[in-house]
Amino acid sequence: MAKNPSINIKKGDTVKVIAGKDKGAEGKVIRVLREEQRVIVEGVNRIKKHTKVVNQGAGNTGGIITTEAPIHVSNVMLVEGDGVTRIGFRREEVTKRRPDGSTYTSTRSVRISRKTGKEI
């Protein structure tokens, strides 16, 4: 695996599953696991988890909990408008302000839709 894998999908993005048992499902990204190259998507890849009672006095009950499991980032695509799109990057010039009040121009990287070219 790469030393520092880059993932173009961020927390809060709406994605569509393009492969696997939940193909076609859409949901919001809850968490991004960069090192494993996986994302956890709301309502997708649901599993049942069996839990034990840890401290009975504290009110923790055991049982079967349904939760979302991670899905590989290659199996999801970003939703834009009514379809899906790939993600690209573009450098934009911005004006920044120094603590003394003077301004200067710099560039920042923005995510863009490969389909429309608009900023995401």
N, C-alpha and C. Protein backbone atom coordinates (compact mmCIF):
# COMPACT_ATOMS: atom_id res chain seq x y z
N MET A 1 0.84 -1.19 0.00
CA MET A 1 0.00 0.00 0.00
C MET A 1 0.88 1.24 0.00
N ALA A 2 0.39 2.31 -0.57
CA ALA A 2 1.14 3.55 -0.64
C ALA A 2 1.37 4.11 0.76
N LYS A 3 2.44 4.85 0.89
CA LYS A 3 2.79 5.40 2.19
C LYS A 3 1.76 6.44 2.64
N ASN A 4 1.33 7.29 1.73
CA ASN A 4 0.36 8.34 2.06
C ASN A 4 -0.74 8.35 1.00
N PRO A 5 -1.71 7.45 1.10
CA PRO A 5 -2.73 7.37 0.07
C PRO A 5 -3.63 8.61 0.06
N SER A 6 -3.98 9.08 -1.14
CA SER A 6 -4.85 10.24 -1.24
C SER A 6 -6.24 9.77 -1.66
N ILE A 7 -7.23 10.29 -0.97
CA ILE A 7 -8.63 9.96 -1.26
C ILE A 7 -9.34 11.26 -1.59
N ASN A 8 -10.03 11.28 -2.73
CA ASN A 8 -10.68 12.51 -3.18
C ASN A 8 -12.07 12.71 -2.56
N ILE A 9 -12.57 11.73 -1.85
CA ILE A 9 -13.89 11.83 -1.24
C ILE A 9 -13.72 12.26 0.21
N LYS A 10 -14.56 13.20 0.64
CA LYS A 10 -14.45 13.76 1.98
C LYS A 10 -15.71 13.45 2.80
N LYS A 11 -15.59 13.62 4.10
CA LYS A 11 -16.72 13.46 5.01
C LYS A 11 -17.80 14.47 4.63
N GLY A 12 -19.05 14.01 4.57
CA GLY A 12 -20.17 14.90 4.22
C GLY A 12 -20.56 14.84 2.76
N ASP A 13 -19.71 14.28 1.89
CA ASP A 13 -20.04 14.13 0.48
C ASP A 13 -21.16 13.11 0.30
N THR A 14 -22.01 13.31 -0.71
CA THR A 14 -23.01 12.32 -1.08
C THR A 14 -22.41 11.46 -2.17
N VAL A 15 -22.42 10.14 -1.94
CA VAL A 15 -21.82 9.21 -2.89
C VAL A 15 -22.82 8.14 -3.31
N LYS A 16 -22.54 7.51 -4.45
CA LYS A 16 -23.36 6.41 -4.96
C LYS A 16 -22.47 5.18 -5.05
N VAL A 17 -22.98 4.04 -4.59
CA VAL A 17 -22.23 2.79 -4.65
C VAL A 17 -22.32 2.25 -6.08
N ILE A 18 -21.16 1.95 -6.68
CA ILE A 18 -21.13 1.50 -8.07
C ILE A 18 -20.79 0.02 -8.20
N ALA A 19 -20.48 -0.65 -7.08
CA ALA A 19 -20.15 -2.07 -7.12
C ALA A 19 -20.46 -2.71 -5.77
N GLY A 20 -20.77 -4.00 -5.79
CA GLY A 20 -21.03 -4.73 -4.56
C GLY A 20 -22.50 -4.98 -4.33
N LYS A 21 -22.82 -5.52 -3.16
CA LYS A 21 -24.19 -5.91 -2.87
C LYS A 21 -25.15 -4.73 -2.74
N ASP A 22 -24.64 -3.55 -2.42
CA ASP A 22 -25.48 -2.36 -2.28
C ASP A 22 -25.39 -1.44 -3.51
N LYS A 23 -25.07 -2.01 -4.68
CA LYS A 23 -24.92 -1.23 -5.90
C LYS A 23 -26.16 -0.39 -6.17
N GLY A 24 -25.95 0.89 -6.47
CA GLY A 24 -27.05 1.80 -6.76
C GLY A 24 -27.50 2.62 -5.57
N ALA A 25 -27.10 2.23 -4.36
CA ALA A 25 -27.51 2.95 -3.15
C ALA A 25 -26.73 4.25 -3.03
N GLU A 26 -27.41 5.29 -2.52
CA GLU A 26 -26.78 6.57 -2.28
C GLU A 26 -26.80 6.88 -0.81
N GLY A 27 -25.80 7.60 -0.36
CA GLY A 27 -25.74 7.98 1.05
C GLY A 27 -24.66 9.00 1.30
N LYS A 28 -24.67 9.53 2.52
CA LYS A 28 -23.70 10.54 2.92
C LYS A 28 -22.51 9.86 3.58
N VAL A 29 -21.30 10.34 3.31
CA VAL A 29 -20.10 9.77 3.91
C VAL A 29 -20.04 10.21 5.37
N ILE A 30 -20.00 9.21 6.27
CA ILE A 30 -19.93 9.48 7.71
C ILE A 30 -18.48 9.65 8.15
N ARG A 31 -17.60 8.80 7.59
CA ARG A 31 -16.20 8.79 8.02
C ARG A 31 -15.32 8.30 6.89
N VAL A 32 -14.11 8.85 6.80
CA VAL A 32 -13.12 8.42 5.80
C VAL A 32 -11.95 7.78 6.54
N LEU A 33 -11.63 6.53 6.16
CA LEU A 33 -10.49 5.82 6.74
C LEU A 33 -9.37 5.85 5.71
N ARG A 34 -8.51 6.85 5.79
CA ARG A 34 -7.50 7.08 4.75
C ARG A 34 -6.50 5.96 4.60
N GLU A 35 -5.98 5.47 5.71
CA GLU A 35 -4.93 4.44 5.65
C GLU A 35 -5.45 3.15 5.02
N GLU A 36 -6.71 2.79 5.29
CA GLU A 36 -7.30 1.57 4.73
C GLU A 36 -7.94 1.81 3.37
N GLN A 37 -7.99 3.08 2.92
CA GLN A 37 -8.64 3.50 1.67
C GLN A 37 -10.10 3.06 1.64
N ARG A 38 -10.80 3.30 2.73
CA ARG A 38 -12.21 2.93 2.85
C ARG A 38 -13.02 4.11 3.37
N VAL A 39 -14.32 4.06 3.10
CA VAL A 39 -15.25 5.07 3.62
C VAL A 39 -16.43 4.37 4.26
N ILE A 40 -17.04 5.04 5.23
CA ILE A 40 -18.26 4.53 5.86
C ILE A 40 -19.39 5.42 5.36
N VAL A 41 -20.37 4.80 4.69
CA VAL A 41 -21.47 5.54 4.07
C VAL A 41 -22.76 5.22 4.82
N GLU A 42 -23.55 6.26 5.08
CA GLU A 42 -24.80 6.14 5.81
C GLU A 42 -25.79 5.22 5.08
N GLY A 43 -26.24 4.17 5.73
CA GLY A 43 -27.24 3.26 5.18
C GLY A 43 -26.72 2.26 4.18
N VAL A 44 -25.40 2.15 4.00
CA VAL A 44 -24.81 1.25 3.02
C VAL A 44 -23.91 0.25 3.74
N ASN A 45 -23.90 -1.01 3.27
CA ASN A 45 -23.06 -2.07 3.82
C ASN A 45 -23.36 -2.29 5.31
N ARG A 46 -24.66 -2.44 5.62
CA ARG A 46 -25.09 -2.62 7.02
C ARG A 46 -24.76 -4.03 7.49
N ILE A 47 -24.23 -4.12 8.70
CA ILE A 47 -23.91 -5.42 9.31
C ILE A 47 -24.53 -5.48 10.69
N LYS A 48 -24.71 -6.71 11.17
CA LYS A 48 -25.20 -6.91 12.53
C LYS A 48 -24.02 -7.26 13.42
N LYS A 49 -23.91 -6.55 14.54
CA LYS A 49 -22.78 -6.72 15.44
C LYS A 49 -23.32 -7.21 16.78
N HIS A 50 -22.77 -8.31 17.28
CA HIS A 50 -23.20 -8.87 18.56
C HIS A 50 -22.34 -8.28 19.67
N THR A 51 -22.99 -7.65 20.66
CA THR A 51 -22.24 -7.01 21.74
C THR A 51 -22.59 -7.62 23.08
N LYS A 52 -21.61 -7.64 23.98
CA LYS A 52 -21.81 -8.14 25.33
C LYS A 52 -22.20 -7.02 26.26
N VAL A 53 -22.79 -7.37 27.40
CA VAL A 53 -23.07 -6.40 28.44
C VAL A 53 -21.74 -6.12 29.14
N VAL A 54 -21.32 -4.85 29.18
CA VAL A 54 -20.03 -4.50 29.76
C VAL A 54 -20.18 -4.22 31.26
N ASN A 55 -20.91 -3.20 31.63
CA ASN A 55 -21.18 -2.86 33.03
C ASN A 55 -22.69 -2.83 33.22
N GLN A 56 -23.21 -3.80 33.96
CA GLN A 56 -24.67 -3.87 34.11
C GLN A 56 -25.22 -2.67 34.85
N GLY A 57 -24.48 -2.18 35.84
CA GLY A 57 -24.96 -1.05 36.64
C GLY A 57 -25.03 0.24 35.84
N ALA A 58 -24.20 0.39 34.83
CA ALA A 58 -24.14 1.64 34.07
C ALA A 58 -25.25 1.73 33.01
N GLY A 59 -26.04 0.68 32.86
CA GLY A 59 -27.14 0.72 31.90
C GLY A 59 -26.74 0.29 30.51
N ASN A 60 -25.53 -0.25 30.33
CA ASN A 60 -25.11 -0.74 29.01
C ASN A 60 -25.75 -2.09 28.77
N THR A 61 -26.55 -2.19 27.73
CA THR A 61 -27.21 -3.46 27.42
C THR A 61 -26.51 -4.12 26.26
N GLY A 62 -26.46 -5.42 26.29
CA GLY A 62 -25.89 -6.17 25.18
C GLY A 62 -26.96 -6.43 24.14
N GLY A 63 -26.59 -7.13 23.09
CA GLY A 63 -27.56 -7.46 22.06
C GLY A 63 -26.98 -7.34 20.68
N ILE A 64 -27.87 -7.28 19.71
CA ILE A 64 -27.45 -7.20 18.31
C ILE A 64 -27.67 -5.77 17.83
N ILE A 65 -26.59 -5.16 17.36
CA ILE A 65 -26.64 -3.78 16.88
C ILE A 65 -26.40 -3.79 15.37
N THR A 66 -27.23 -3.06 14.62
CA THR A 66 -27.02 -2.92 13.18
C THR A 66 -26.25 -1.64 12.93
N THR A 67 -25.11 -1.76 12.24
CA THR A 67 -24.25 -0.60 11.99
C THR A 67 -23.66 -0.67 10.58
N GLU A 68 -23.08 0.43 10.13
CA GLU A 68 -22.46 0.47 8.80
C GLU A 68 -21.01 0.00 8.88
N ALA A 69 -20.61 -0.80 7.92
CA ALA A 69 -19.22 -1.27 7.82
C ALA A 69 -18.52 -0.47 6.72
N PRO A 70 -17.19 -0.39 6.76
CA PRO A 70 -16.46 0.35 5.72
C PRO A 70 -16.60 -0.30 4.34
N ILE A 71 -16.57 0.53 3.31
CA ILE A 71 -16.62 0.07 1.92
C ILE A 71 -15.43 0.70 1.20
N HIS A 72 -14.82 -0.03 0.27
CA HIS A 72 -13.63 0.49 -0.40
C HIS A 72 -13.96 1.71 -1.24
N VAL A 73 -13.06 2.67 -1.25
CA VAL A 73 -13.30 3.95 -1.92
C VAL A 73 -13.47 3.78 -3.43
N SER A 74 -12.92 2.71 -4.02
CA SER A 74 -13.06 2.49 -5.46
C SER A 74 -14.47 2.04 -5.83
N ASN A 75 -15.27 1.66 -4.84
CA ASN A 75 -16.63 1.19 -5.11
C ASN A 75 -17.68 2.29 -4.96
N VAL A 76 -17.25 3.53 -4.76
CA VAL A 76 -18.18 4.65 -4.65
C VAL A 76 -17.76 5.78 -5.59
N MET A 77 -18.76 6.56 -6.05
CA MET A 77 -18.51 7.75 -6.87
C MET A 77 -19.30 8.91 -6.31
N LEU A 78 -18.75 10.10 -6.46
CA LEU A 78 -19.39 11.31 -5.95
C LEU A 78 -20.64 11.65 -6.77
N VAL A 79 -21.72 12.01 -6.09
CA VAL A 79 -22.97 12.39 -6.75
C VAL A 79 -22.97 13.90 -6.95
N GLU A 80 -23.27 14.31 -8.20
CA GLU A 80 -23.39 15.73 -8.51
C GLU A 80 -24.63 15.91 -9.37
N GLY A 81 -25.56 16.71 -8.87
CA GLY A 81 -26.82 16.90 -9.60
C GLY A 81 -27.61 15.60 -9.61
N ASP A 82 -27.93 15.10 -10.82
CA ASP A 82 -28.71 13.87 -10.92
C ASP A 82 -27.85 12.66 -11.31
N GLY A 83 -26.53 12.85 -11.45
CA GLY A 83 -25.66 11.74 -11.84
C GLY A 83 -24.39 11.70 -11.01
N VAL A 84 -23.47 10.84 -11.41
CA VAL A 84 -22.20 10.73 -10.70
C VAL A 84 -21.09 11.36 -11.54
N THR A 85 -20.01 11.72 -10.88
CA THR A 85 -18.90 12.37 -11.57
C THR A 85 -17.57 11.97 -10.94
N ARG A 86 -16.52 12.08 -11.74
CA ARG A 86 -15.17 11.92 -11.21
C ARG A 86 -14.73 13.26 -10.63
N ILE A 87 -13.66 13.24 -9.86
CA ILE A 87 -13.20 14.44 -9.18
C ILE A 87 -11.85 14.85 -9.74
N GLY A 88 -11.71 16.14 -10.03
CA GLY A 88 -10.43 16.69 -10.47
C GLY A 88 -10.05 17.85 -9.57
N PHE A 89 -8.90 18.42 -9.82
CA PHE A 89 -8.43 19.55 -9.02
C PHE A 89 -7.98 20.67 -9.93
N ARG A 90 -8.16 21.91 -9.46
CA ARG A 90 -7.73 23.08 -10.21
C ARG A 90 -7.14 24.07 -9.21
N ARG A 91 -6.10 24.77 -9.64
CA ARG A 91 -5.48 25.79 -8.78
C ARG A 91 -6.15 27.13 -9.08
N GLU A 92 -6.59 27.82 -8.02
CA GLU A 92 -7.23 29.13 -8.17
C GLU A 92 -6.42 30.18 -7.45
N GLU A 93 -6.36 31.37 -8.04
CA GLU A 93 -5.66 32.47 -7.39
C GLU A 93 -6.59 33.11 -6.36
N VAL A 94 -6.05 33.36 -5.18
CA VAL A 94 -6.81 34.00 -4.11
C VAL A 94 -5.96 35.12 -3.52
N THR A 95 -6.64 36.09 -2.93
CA THR A 95 -5.95 37.19 -2.26
C THR A 95 -5.94 36.90 -0.77
N LYS A 96 -4.74 36.90 -0.18
CA LYS A 96 -4.61 36.64 1.25
C LYS A 96 -4.14 37.92 1.95
N ARG A 97 -4.40 37.97 3.26
CA ARG A 97 -4.04 39.14 4.04
C ARG A 97 -3.04 38.75 5.12
N ARG A 98 -1.98 39.54 5.23
CA ARG A 98 -0.97 39.32 6.26
C ARG A 98 -1.43 39.94 7.57
N PRO A 99 -0.83 39.54 8.69
CA PRO A 99 -1.22 40.14 9.98
C PRO A 99 -1.05 41.66 10.05
N ASP A 100 -0.10 42.22 9.26
CA ASP A 100 0.08 43.68 9.29
C ASP A 100 -0.91 44.42 8.40
N GLY A 101 -1.79 43.69 7.69
CA GLY A 101 -2.83 44.32 6.89
C GLY A 101 -2.55 44.33 5.40
N SER A 102 -1.32 44.08 4.98
CA SER A 102 -1.01 44.07 3.55
C SER A 102 -1.55 42.79 2.91
N THR A 103 -1.81 42.84 1.62
CA THR A 103 -2.37 41.68 0.91
C THR A 103 -1.39 41.16 -0.13
N TYR A 104 -1.57 39.88 -0.48
CA TYR A 104 -0.76 39.25 -1.52
C TYR A 104 -1.59 38.17 -2.19
N THR A 105 -1.20 37.78 -3.41
CA THR A 105 -1.94 36.74 -4.13
C THR A 105 -1.24 35.41 -3.95
N SER A 106 -2.04 34.38 -3.82
CA SER A 106 -1.53 33.02 -3.66
C SER A 106 -2.48 32.09 -4.40
N THR A 107 -2.18 30.80 -4.43
CA THR A 107 -3.08 29.85 -5.08
C THR A 107 -3.55 28.82 -4.08
N ARG A 108 -4.75 28.32 -4.31
CA ARG A 108 -5.27 27.23 -3.49
C ARG A 108 -5.88 26.20 -4.41
N SER A 109 -5.91 24.96 -3.96
CA SER A 109 -6.43 23.85 -4.74
C SER A 109 -7.91 23.67 -4.45
N VAL A 110 -8.74 23.55 -5.48
CA VAL A 110 -10.17 23.33 -5.30
C VAL A 110 -10.59 22.07 -6.04
N ARG A 111 -11.54 21.35 -5.48
CA ARG A 111 -12.07 20.15 -6.15
C ARG A 111 -13.07 20.58 -7.21
N ILE A 112 -13.00 19.95 -8.38
CA ILE A 112 -13.93 20.26 -9.45
C ILE A 112 -14.56 18.98 -9.98
N SER A 113 -15.71 19.12 -10.60
CA SER A 113 -16.38 18.01 -11.25
C SER A 113 -15.77 17.82 -12.62
N ARG A 114 -15.39 16.59 -12.96
CA ARG A 114 -14.83 16.31 -14.28
C ARG A 114 -15.91 16.41 -15.35
N LYS A 115 -17.16 16.22 -14.97
CA LYS A 115 -18.26 16.25 -15.94
C LYS A 115 -18.63 17.67 -16.35
N THR A 116 -18.75 18.57 -15.36
CA THR A 116 -19.21 19.91 -15.64
C THR A 116 -18.11 20.97 -15.52
N GLY A 117 -17.05 20.66 -14.80
CA GLY A 117 -15.98 21.63 -14.59
C GLY A 117 -16.25 22.60 -13.46
N LYS A 118 -17.39 22.45 -12.78
CA LYS A 118 -17.76 23.36 -11.68
C LYS A 118 -17.07 22.92 -10.38
N GLU A 119 -16.90 23.90 -9.49
CA GLU A 119 -16.30 23.62 -8.18
C GLU A 119 -17.29 22.84 -7.32
N ILE A 120 -16.75 21.86 -6.59
CA ILE A 120 -17.60 21.04 -5.71
C ILE A 120 -17.58 21.64 -4.32
